[in-house]
């Protein structure tokens, strides 16, 4: 898996202070997407064990308390990302059980493949649905268009 950006301190992508990872790879390619540079799975930087360690270290850092981890992109549930995302969310839940995990995906919850559903077992909130420019609404919180649904899973 590759990633485009990592923000160790983020107050925009989910509630509270968080760590946010923007992965590469998106099949949806929504018109009006604000993050088109993340569409190609091979773009960005390799998400290696050192980067995974950095995310976990930041989540455990007591100097800056983080509420949790936000996963966006691209699409964390893109087939090229699922194995790495699953490994990451498992570690976060095992090592940081007090942190929540938010994940944004263009795939719909009721249409997920088994491998994608395995990831969902470890996250707290899923924001699903493609961004639809004609349904865009800047007053929405944590999603960009009115068709997208915030699923509170825990």
N, C-alpha and C. Protein backbone atom coordinates (compact mmCIF):
# COMPACT_ATOMS: atom_id res chain seq x y z
N UNK A 1 0.84 -1.18 0.00
CA UNK A 1 0.00 0.00 0.00
C UNK A 1 0.88 1.24 0.00
N UNK A 2 0.39 2.25 -0.66
CA UNK A 2 1.06 3.55 -0.63
C UNK A 2 0.16 4.57 0.05
N UNK A 3 0.77 5.65 0.50
CA UNK A 3 0.01 6.74 1.11
C UNK A 3 0.51 8.06 0.54
N UNK A 4 -0.33 9.06 0.57
CA UNK A 4 0.04 10.38 0.06
C UNK A 4 0.47 11.31 1.17
N UNK A 5 -0.34 11.36 2.23
CA UNK A 5 -0.02 12.27 3.32
C UNK A 5 -0.35 11.63 4.66
N UNK A 6 0.40 12.05 5.64
CA UNK A 6 0.12 11.65 7.01
C UNK A 6 0.21 12.91 7.85
N UNK A 7 -0.84 13.15 8.63
CA UNK A 7 -0.85 14.28 9.55
C UNK A 7 -0.87 13.72 10.97
N UNK A 8 0.24 13.87 11.71
CA UNK A 8 0.27 13.33 13.06
C UNK A 8 -0.66 14.08 14.02
N UNK A 9 -0.99 15.33 13.67
CA UNK A 9 -1.92 16.13 14.45
C UNK A 9 -2.90 16.76 13.47
N UNK A 10 -4.18 16.41 13.62
CA UNK A 10 -5.21 16.85 12.69
C UNK A 10 -6.49 17.12 13.47
N UNK A 11 -7.12 18.26 13.23
CA UNK A 11 -8.37 18.59 13.91
C UNK A 11 -9.52 18.77 12.92
N UNK A 12 -9.32 18.37 11.67
CA UNK A 12 -10.32 18.55 10.62
C UNK A 12 -11.03 17.25 10.28
N UNK A 13 -10.32 16.16 10.20
CA UNK A 13 -10.84 14.89 9.67
C UNK A 13 -11.32 13.96 10.77
N UNK A 14 -12.42 14.34 11.39
CA UNK A 14 -12.99 13.58 12.49
C UNK A 14 -13.00 14.41 13.75
N UNK A 15 -13.68 13.91 14.78
CA UNK A 15 -13.81 14.67 16.02
C UNK A 15 -12.54 14.67 16.86
N UNK A 16 -12.25 15.79 17.48
CA UNK A 16 -11.10 15.90 18.36
C UNK A 16 -9.79 15.96 17.60
N UNK A 17 -8.72 15.90 18.35
CA UNK A 17 -7.37 15.86 17.77
C UNK A 17 -7.09 14.42 17.38
N UNK A 18 -6.57 14.24 16.17
CA UNK A 18 -6.42 12.90 15.61
C UNK A 18 -5.10 12.78 14.84
N UNK A 19 -4.76 11.57 14.47
CA UNK A 19 -3.74 11.30 13.46
C UNK A 19 -4.53 10.91 12.21
N UNK A 20 -4.13 11.41 11.05
CA UNK A 20 -4.86 11.13 9.81
C UNK A 20 -3.92 10.65 8.72
N UNK A 21 -4.32 9.55 8.09
CA UNK A 21 -3.54 8.94 7.01
C UNK A 21 -4.38 8.95 5.74
N UNK A 22 -3.80 9.52 4.68
CA UNK A 22 -4.45 9.56 3.37
C UNK A 22 -3.73 8.58 2.45
N UNK A 23 -4.40 7.49 2.13
CA UNK A 23 -3.79 6.43 1.33
C UNK A 23 -3.95 6.69 -0.16
N UNK A 24 -3.18 5.98 -0.95
CA UNK A 24 -3.26 6.06 -2.41
C UNK A 24 -4.20 4.97 -2.92
N UNK A 25 -4.82 5.24 -4.06
CA UNK A 25 -5.66 4.25 -4.72
C UNK A 25 -7.15 4.50 -4.53
N UNK A 26 -7.82 4.81 -5.64
CA UNK A 26 -9.27 4.99 -5.60
C UNK A 26 -9.85 4.67 -6.97
N UNK A 27 -10.77 3.73 -6.99
CA UNK A 27 -11.45 3.34 -8.22
C UNK A 27 -12.61 4.26 -8.57
N UNK A 28 -13.11 5.01 -7.60
CA UNK A 28 -14.34 5.78 -7.79
C UNK A 28 -14.14 7.02 -8.66
N UNK A 29 -13.03 7.70 -8.47
CA UNK A 29 -12.66 8.89 -9.24
C UNK A 29 -13.85 9.84 -9.40
N UNK A 30 -14.39 10.27 -8.28
CA UNK A 30 -15.57 11.13 -8.25
C UNK A 30 -15.29 12.50 -8.85
N UNK A 31 -16.23 12.97 -9.65
CA UNK A 31 -16.14 14.32 -10.20
C UNK A 31 -16.17 15.31 -9.04
N UNK A 32 -15.23 16.23 -9.03
CA UNK A 32 -15.15 17.22 -7.97
C UNK A 32 -14.34 16.79 -6.76
N UNK A 33 -13.72 15.62 -6.83
CA UNK A 33 -12.89 15.13 -5.72
C UNK A 33 -11.80 16.15 -5.41
N UNK A 34 -11.61 16.42 -4.13
CA UNK A 34 -10.58 17.37 -3.72
C UNK A 34 -9.20 16.72 -3.61
N UNK A 35 -9.13 15.42 -3.79
CA UNK A 35 -7.87 14.71 -3.57
C UNK A 35 -7.52 13.79 -4.75
N UNK A 36 -7.64 14.30 -5.95
CA UNK A 36 -7.41 13.50 -7.15
C UNK A 36 -6.00 12.93 -7.24
N UNK A 37 -5.06 13.56 -6.62
CA UNK A 37 -3.67 13.08 -6.69
C UNK A 37 -3.52 11.72 -6.01
N UNK A 38 -4.50 11.28 -5.25
CA UNK A 38 -4.41 10.00 -4.54
C UNK A 38 -5.02 8.84 -5.32
N UNK A 39 -5.54 9.06 -6.50
CA UNK A 39 -6.29 8.03 -7.22
C UNK A 39 -5.44 6.83 -7.64
N UNK A 40 -4.20 7.05 -8.06
CA UNK A 40 -3.37 5.94 -8.52
C UNK A 40 -2.79 5.17 -7.33
N UNK A 41 -2.99 3.86 -7.28
CA UNK A 41 -2.49 3.07 -6.14
C UNK A 41 -0.98 3.14 -5.96
N UNK A 42 -0.24 3.37 -7.03
CA UNK A 42 1.22 3.37 -6.94
C UNK A 42 1.79 4.76 -6.65
N UNK A 43 0.95 5.77 -6.51
CA UNK A 43 1.45 7.12 -6.25
C UNK A 43 1.75 7.31 -4.77
N UNK A 44 2.49 8.33 -4.47
CA UNK A 44 2.82 8.62 -3.09
C UNK A 44 4.02 7.85 -2.59
N UNK A 45 3.96 7.47 -1.31
CA UNK A 45 5.07 6.82 -0.61
C UNK A 45 4.64 5.44 -0.11
N UNK A 46 5.60 4.54 -0.02
CA UNK A 46 5.30 3.20 0.49
C UNK A 46 4.93 3.28 1.98
N UNK A 47 3.85 2.62 2.34
CA UNK A 47 3.46 2.51 3.75
C UNK A 47 4.17 1.29 4.31
N UNK A 48 5.35 1.52 4.85
CA UNK A 48 6.18 0.42 5.35
C UNK A 48 6.02 0.27 6.86
N UNK A 49 6.75 -0.66 7.43
CA UNK A 49 6.64 -0.93 8.87
C UNK A 49 7.07 0.29 9.68
N UNK A 50 8.04 1.05 9.19
CA UNK A 50 8.47 2.26 9.90
C UNK A 50 7.33 3.28 9.98
N UNK A 51 6.57 3.40 8.91
CA UNK A 51 5.44 4.34 8.91
C UNK A 51 4.34 3.83 9.83
N UNK A 52 4.09 2.54 9.82
CA UNK A 52 3.10 1.97 10.73
C UNK A 52 3.51 2.22 12.18
N UNK A 53 4.78 2.05 12.47
CA UNK A 53 5.30 2.32 13.82
C UNK A 53 5.11 3.78 14.20
N UNK A 54 5.32 4.67 13.25
CA UNK A 54 5.15 6.10 13.52
C UNK A 54 3.70 6.41 13.89
N UNK A 55 2.77 5.86 13.15
CA UNK A 55 1.35 6.09 13.45
C UNK A 55 1.03 5.62 14.86
N UNK A 56 1.47 4.42 15.21
CA UNK A 56 1.21 3.88 16.55
C UNK A 56 1.88 4.72 17.62
N UNK A 57 3.10 5.13 17.37
CA UNK A 57 3.82 5.97 18.33
C UNK A 57 3.09 7.29 18.56
N UNK A 58 2.61 7.90 17.48
CA UNK A 58 1.88 9.16 17.62
C UNK A 58 0.58 8.97 18.40
N UNK A 59 -0.12 7.88 18.15
CA UNK A 59 -1.36 7.62 18.88
C UNK A 59 -1.11 7.39 20.37
N UNK A 60 0.06 6.87 20.71
CA UNK A 60 0.41 6.61 22.10
C UNK A 60 1.04 7.81 22.80
N UNK A 61 1.40 8.83 22.06
CA UNK A 61 2.09 10.02 22.60
C UNK A 61 1.18 10.73 23.60
N UNK A 62 1.64 10.86 24.82
CA UNK A 62 0.83 11.52 25.85
C UNK A 62 1.00 13.03 25.86
N UNK A 63 1.98 13.56 25.13
CA UNK A 63 2.17 15.01 25.09
C UNK A 63 1.06 15.69 24.29
N UNK A 64 0.60 15.01 23.22
CA UNK A 64 -0.52 15.49 22.42
C UNK A 64 -1.56 14.38 22.42
N UNK A 65 -2.58 14.52 23.22
CA UNK A 65 -3.60 13.46 23.30
C UNK A 65 -4.42 13.46 22.03
N UNK A 66 -4.48 12.31 21.40
CA UNK A 66 -5.28 12.14 20.19
C UNK A 66 -6.48 11.26 20.51
N UNK A 67 -7.63 11.66 19.97
CA UNK A 67 -8.86 10.88 20.16
C UNK A 67 -8.82 9.60 19.34
N UNK A 68 -8.13 9.67 18.19
CA UNK A 68 -8.09 8.47 17.36
C UNK A 68 -7.38 8.67 16.04
N UNK A 69 -7.66 7.73 15.14
CA UNK A 69 -7.04 7.68 13.82
C UNK A 69 -8.12 7.85 12.76
N UNK A 70 -7.83 8.68 11.75
CA UNK A 70 -8.71 8.86 10.60
C UNK A 70 -8.01 8.29 9.37
N UNK A 71 -8.75 7.50 8.60
CA UNK A 71 -8.22 6.87 7.39
C UNK A 71 -9.04 7.34 6.20
N UNK A 72 -8.36 7.97 5.24
CA UNK A 72 -9.03 8.51 4.07
C UNK A 72 -8.13 8.31 2.88
N UNK A 73 -8.37 9.04 1.83
CA UNK A 73 -7.52 8.82 0.67
C UNK A 73 -7.82 9.76 -0.47
N UNK A 74 -7.75 9.11 -1.61
CA UNK A 74 -7.83 7.73 -2.01
C UNK A 74 -8.98 7.02 -1.30
N UNK A 75 -8.88 5.73 -1.24
CA UNK A 75 -9.87 4.92 -0.54
C UNK A 75 -9.18 3.81 0.24
N UNK A 76 -9.28 3.84 1.57
CA UNK A 76 -8.65 2.79 2.37
C UNK A 76 -9.16 1.39 2.05
N UNK A 77 -10.38 1.29 1.50
CA UNK A 77 -10.93 -0.03 1.17
C UNK A 77 -10.71 -0.43 -0.28
N UNK A 78 -9.87 0.32 -1.00
CA UNK A 78 -9.46 -0.09 -2.34
C UNK A 78 -8.80 -1.47 -2.21
N UNK A 79 -9.06 -2.39 -3.13
CA UNK A 79 -8.49 -3.74 -3.02
C UNK A 79 -6.98 -3.77 -2.76
N UNK A 80 -6.23 -2.83 -3.31
CA UNK A 80 -4.79 -2.82 -3.10
C UNK A 80 -4.41 -2.39 -1.68
N UNK A 81 -5.36 -1.83 -0.93
CA UNK A 81 -5.07 -1.30 0.40
C UNK A 81 -5.57 -2.16 1.55
N UNK A 82 -6.50 -3.05 1.27
CA UNK A 82 -7.22 -3.74 2.34
C UNK A 82 -6.29 -4.49 3.29
N UNK A 83 -5.34 -5.23 2.79
CA UNK A 83 -4.47 -6.02 3.67
C UNK A 83 -3.67 -5.13 4.61
N UNK A 84 -3.10 -4.06 4.09
CA UNK A 84 -2.30 -3.15 4.95
C UNK A 84 -3.18 -2.40 5.93
N UNK A 85 -4.36 -1.97 5.49
CA UNK A 85 -5.28 -1.26 6.38
C UNK A 85 -5.75 -2.21 7.49
N UNK A 86 -6.04 -3.45 7.14
CA UNK A 86 -6.47 -4.42 8.15
C UNK A 86 -5.37 -4.61 9.20
N UNK A 87 -4.15 -4.76 8.76
CA UNK A 87 -3.04 -4.93 9.71
C UNK A 87 -2.91 -3.70 10.62
N UNK A 88 -3.08 -2.52 10.05
CA UNK A 88 -2.96 -1.29 10.83
C UNK A 88 -4.09 -1.17 11.86
N UNK A 89 -5.32 -1.38 11.45
CA UNK A 89 -6.44 -1.20 12.39
C UNK A 89 -6.41 -2.27 13.49
N UNK A 90 -5.96 -3.46 13.15
CA UNK A 90 -5.81 -4.50 14.19
C UNK A 90 -4.81 -4.06 15.24
N UNK A 91 -3.69 -3.51 14.79
CA UNK A 91 -2.67 -3.05 15.74
C UNK A 91 -3.17 -1.88 16.57
N UNK A 92 -3.85 -0.95 15.93
CA UNK A 92 -4.37 0.20 16.68
C UNK A 92 -5.32 -0.27 17.77
N UNK A 93 -6.24 -1.16 17.44
CA UNK A 93 -7.20 -1.64 18.44
C UNK A 93 -6.51 -2.44 19.54
N UNK A 94 -5.47 -3.20 19.20
CA UNK A 94 -4.76 -4.00 20.20
C UNK A 94 -3.90 -3.13 21.12
N UNK A 95 -3.21 -2.15 20.53
CA UNK A 95 -2.25 -1.37 21.29
C UNK A 95 -2.80 -0.04 21.82
N UNK A 96 -3.87 0.42 21.25
CA UNK A 96 -4.48 1.71 21.65
C UNK A 96 -5.99 1.55 21.75
N UNK A 97 -6.47 0.70 22.64
CA UNK A 97 -7.91 0.40 22.68
C UNK A 97 -8.79 1.61 23.03
N UNK A 98 -8.18 2.66 23.57
CA UNK A 98 -8.95 3.86 23.91
C UNK A 98 -9.11 4.82 22.73
N UNK A 99 -8.51 4.50 21.60
CA UNK A 99 -8.58 5.37 20.41
C UNK A 99 -9.67 4.86 19.46
N UNK A 100 -10.40 5.81 18.86
CA UNK A 100 -11.39 5.41 17.87
C UNK A 100 -10.79 5.49 16.47
N UNK A 101 -11.40 4.79 15.54
CA UNK A 101 -10.94 4.78 14.14
C UNK A 101 -12.11 5.16 13.25
N UNK A 102 -11.89 6.22 12.48
CA UNK A 102 -12.84 6.67 11.46
C UNK A 102 -12.25 6.31 10.10
N UNK A 103 -13.10 5.88 9.17
CA UNK A 103 -12.66 5.51 7.83
C UNK A 103 -13.66 6.04 6.81
N UNK A 104 -13.14 6.70 5.77
CA UNK A 104 -13.94 7.22 4.67
C UNK A 104 -13.73 6.33 3.45
N UNK A 105 -14.84 5.91 2.82
CA UNK A 105 -14.76 5.05 1.65
C UNK A 105 -15.89 5.37 0.68
N UNK A 106 -15.59 5.27 -0.60
CA UNK A 106 -16.61 5.42 -1.63
C UNK A 106 -17.48 4.19 -1.76
N UNK A 107 -17.02 3.06 -1.22
CA UNK A 107 -17.81 1.83 -1.26
C UNK A 107 -18.94 1.94 -0.23
N UNK A 108 -20.08 1.35 -0.55
CA UNK A 108 -21.21 1.34 0.38
C UNK A 108 -21.11 0.17 1.34
N UNK A 109 -21.50 0.39 2.57
CA UNK A 109 -21.40 -0.63 3.62
C UNK A 109 -22.05 -1.94 3.20
N UNK A 110 -23.23 -1.88 2.62
CA UNK A 110 -23.93 -3.12 2.29
C UNK A 110 -23.44 -3.79 1.01
N UNK A 111 -22.43 -3.20 0.37
CA UNK A 111 -21.87 -3.78 -0.85
C UNK A 111 -20.42 -4.24 -0.69
N UNK A 112 -19.92 -4.23 0.54
CA UNK A 112 -18.50 -4.56 0.76
C UNK A 112 -18.23 -6.04 0.57
N UNK A 113 -17.08 -6.33 0.00
CA UNK A 113 -16.59 -7.71 -0.13
C UNK A 113 -16.13 -8.21 1.25
N UNK A 114 -15.94 -9.50 1.37
CA UNK A 114 -15.55 -10.09 2.65
C UNK A 114 -14.26 -9.48 3.20
N UNK A 115 -13.27 -9.27 2.36
CA UNK A 115 -11.99 -8.71 2.82
C UNK A 115 -12.19 -7.29 3.36
N UNK A 116 -13.03 -6.52 2.70
CA UNK A 116 -13.32 -5.16 3.17
C UNK A 116 -14.10 -5.21 4.49
N UNK A 117 -15.02 -6.13 4.61
CA UNK A 117 -15.81 -6.28 5.85
C UNK A 117 -14.91 -6.63 7.03
N UNK A 118 -13.82 -7.34 6.78
CA UNK A 118 -12.89 -7.67 7.85
C UNK A 118 -12.32 -6.40 8.48
N UNK A 119 -12.06 -5.39 7.66
CA UNK A 119 -11.56 -4.10 8.17
C UNK A 119 -12.63 -3.44 9.03
N UNK A 120 -13.86 -3.48 8.57
CA UNK A 120 -14.97 -2.82 9.26
C UNK A 120 -15.14 -3.33 10.69
N UNK A 121 -14.77 -4.57 10.92
CA UNK A 121 -14.87 -5.15 12.27
C UNK A 121 -14.02 -4.40 13.29
N UNK A 122 -13.02 -3.65 12.83
CA UNK A 122 -12.07 -2.99 13.72
C UNK A 122 -12.24 -1.48 13.79
N UNK A 123 -13.15 -0.92 13.02
CA UNK A 123 -13.30 0.53 13.03
C UNK A 123 -14.55 0.92 13.80
N UNK A 124 -14.60 2.18 14.19
CA UNK A 124 -15.72 2.69 14.98
C UNK A 124 -16.74 3.44 14.14
N UNK A 125 -16.24 4.13 13.11
CA UNK A 125 -17.13 4.93 12.27
C UNK A 125 -16.72 4.76 10.81
N UNK A 126 -17.71 4.49 9.97
CA UNK A 126 -17.51 4.41 8.53
C UNK A 126 -18.33 5.52 7.89
N UNK A 127 -17.68 6.33 7.07
CA UNK A 127 -18.38 7.29 6.23
C UNK A 127 -18.33 6.70 4.83
N UNK A 128 -19.50 6.28 4.32
CA UNK A 128 -19.51 5.58 3.04
C UNK A 128 -20.24 6.37 1.96
N UNK A 129 -19.96 5.97 0.73
CA UNK A 129 -20.60 6.58 -0.43
C UNK A 129 -19.65 7.48 -1.20
N UNK A 130 -19.79 7.45 -2.51
CA UNK A 130 -18.97 8.31 -3.36
C UNK A 130 -19.34 9.77 -3.14
N UNK A 131 -18.36 10.65 -3.31
CA UNK A 131 -18.66 12.08 -3.30
C UNK A 131 -19.42 12.40 -4.58
N UNK A 132 -20.56 13.06 -4.46
CA UNK A 132 -21.35 13.45 -5.62
C UNK A 132 -21.44 14.97 -5.63
N UNK A 133 -20.77 15.56 -6.61
CA UNK A 133 -20.64 17.01 -6.67
C UNK A 133 -22.00 17.72 -6.66
N UNK A 134 -22.99 17.16 -7.35
CA UNK A 134 -24.30 17.81 -7.40
C UNK A 134 -25.03 17.74 -6.05
N UNK A 135 -24.55 16.90 -5.14
CA UNK A 135 -25.13 16.80 -3.79
C UNK A 135 -24.21 17.39 -2.73
N UNK A 136 -23.15 18.08 -3.17
CA UNK A 136 -22.19 18.68 -2.24
C UNK A 136 -22.89 19.72 -1.37
N UNK A 137 -22.49 19.73 -0.10
CA UNK A 137 -23.08 20.67 0.85
C UNK A 137 -22.01 21.04 1.88
N UNK A 138 -21.49 22.26 1.81
CA UNK A 138 -20.42 22.64 2.74
C UNK A 138 -20.84 22.70 4.21
N UNK A 139 -22.14 22.65 4.48
CA UNK A 139 -22.60 22.68 5.87
C UNK A 139 -22.54 21.29 6.53
N UNK A 140 -22.33 20.24 5.74
CA UNK A 140 -22.25 18.90 6.30
C UNK A 140 -20.98 18.73 7.14
N UNK A 141 -21.10 17.98 8.19
CA UNK A 141 -19.96 17.73 9.06
C UNK A 141 -19.41 16.33 8.77
N UNK A 142 -18.13 16.24 8.47
CA UNK A 142 -17.39 15.00 8.23
C UNK A 142 -17.78 14.26 6.97
N UNK A 143 -18.54 14.86 6.09
CA UNK A 143 -18.79 14.29 4.76
C UNK A 143 -19.13 15.44 3.81
N UNK A 144 -18.87 15.19 2.52
CA UNK A 144 -18.95 16.28 1.56
C UNK A 144 -20.23 16.38 0.78
N UNK A 145 -20.95 15.26 0.62
CA UNK A 145 -22.20 15.29 -0.15
C UNK A 145 -23.29 14.55 0.62
N UNK A 146 -24.53 14.96 0.39
CA UNK A 146 -25.65 14.48 1.20
C UNK A 146 -25.96 13.00 1.02
N UNK A 147 -25.46 12.37 -0.02
CA UNK A 147 -25.67 10.93 -0.21
C UNK A 147 -24.79 10.09 0.71
N UNK A 148 -23.72 10.66 1.18
CA UNK A 148 -22.79 9.92 2.04
C UNK A 148 -23.41 9.73 3.43
N UNK A 149 -23.16 8.56 4.02
CA UNK A 149 -23.76 8.21 5.30
C UNK A 149 -22.66 7.98 6.32
N UNK A 150 -22.87 8.52 7.53
CA UNK A 150 -21.96 8.26 8.64
C UNK A 150 -22.56 7.11 9.45
N UNK A 151 -21.85 5.98 9.47
CA UNK A 151 -22.29 4.80 10.22
C UNK A 151 -21.48 4.71 11.52
N UNK A 152 -22.15 4.87 12.63
CA UNK A 152 -21.51 4.70 13.93
C UNK A 152 -21.61 3.23 14.29
N UNK A 153 -20.50 2.53 14.21
CA UNK A 153 -20.49 1.07 14.32
C UNK A 153 -20.30 0.58 15.73
N UNK A 154 -19.77 1.43 16.60
CA UNK A 154 -19.58 1.03 18.00
C UNK A 154 -20.24 2.02 18.92
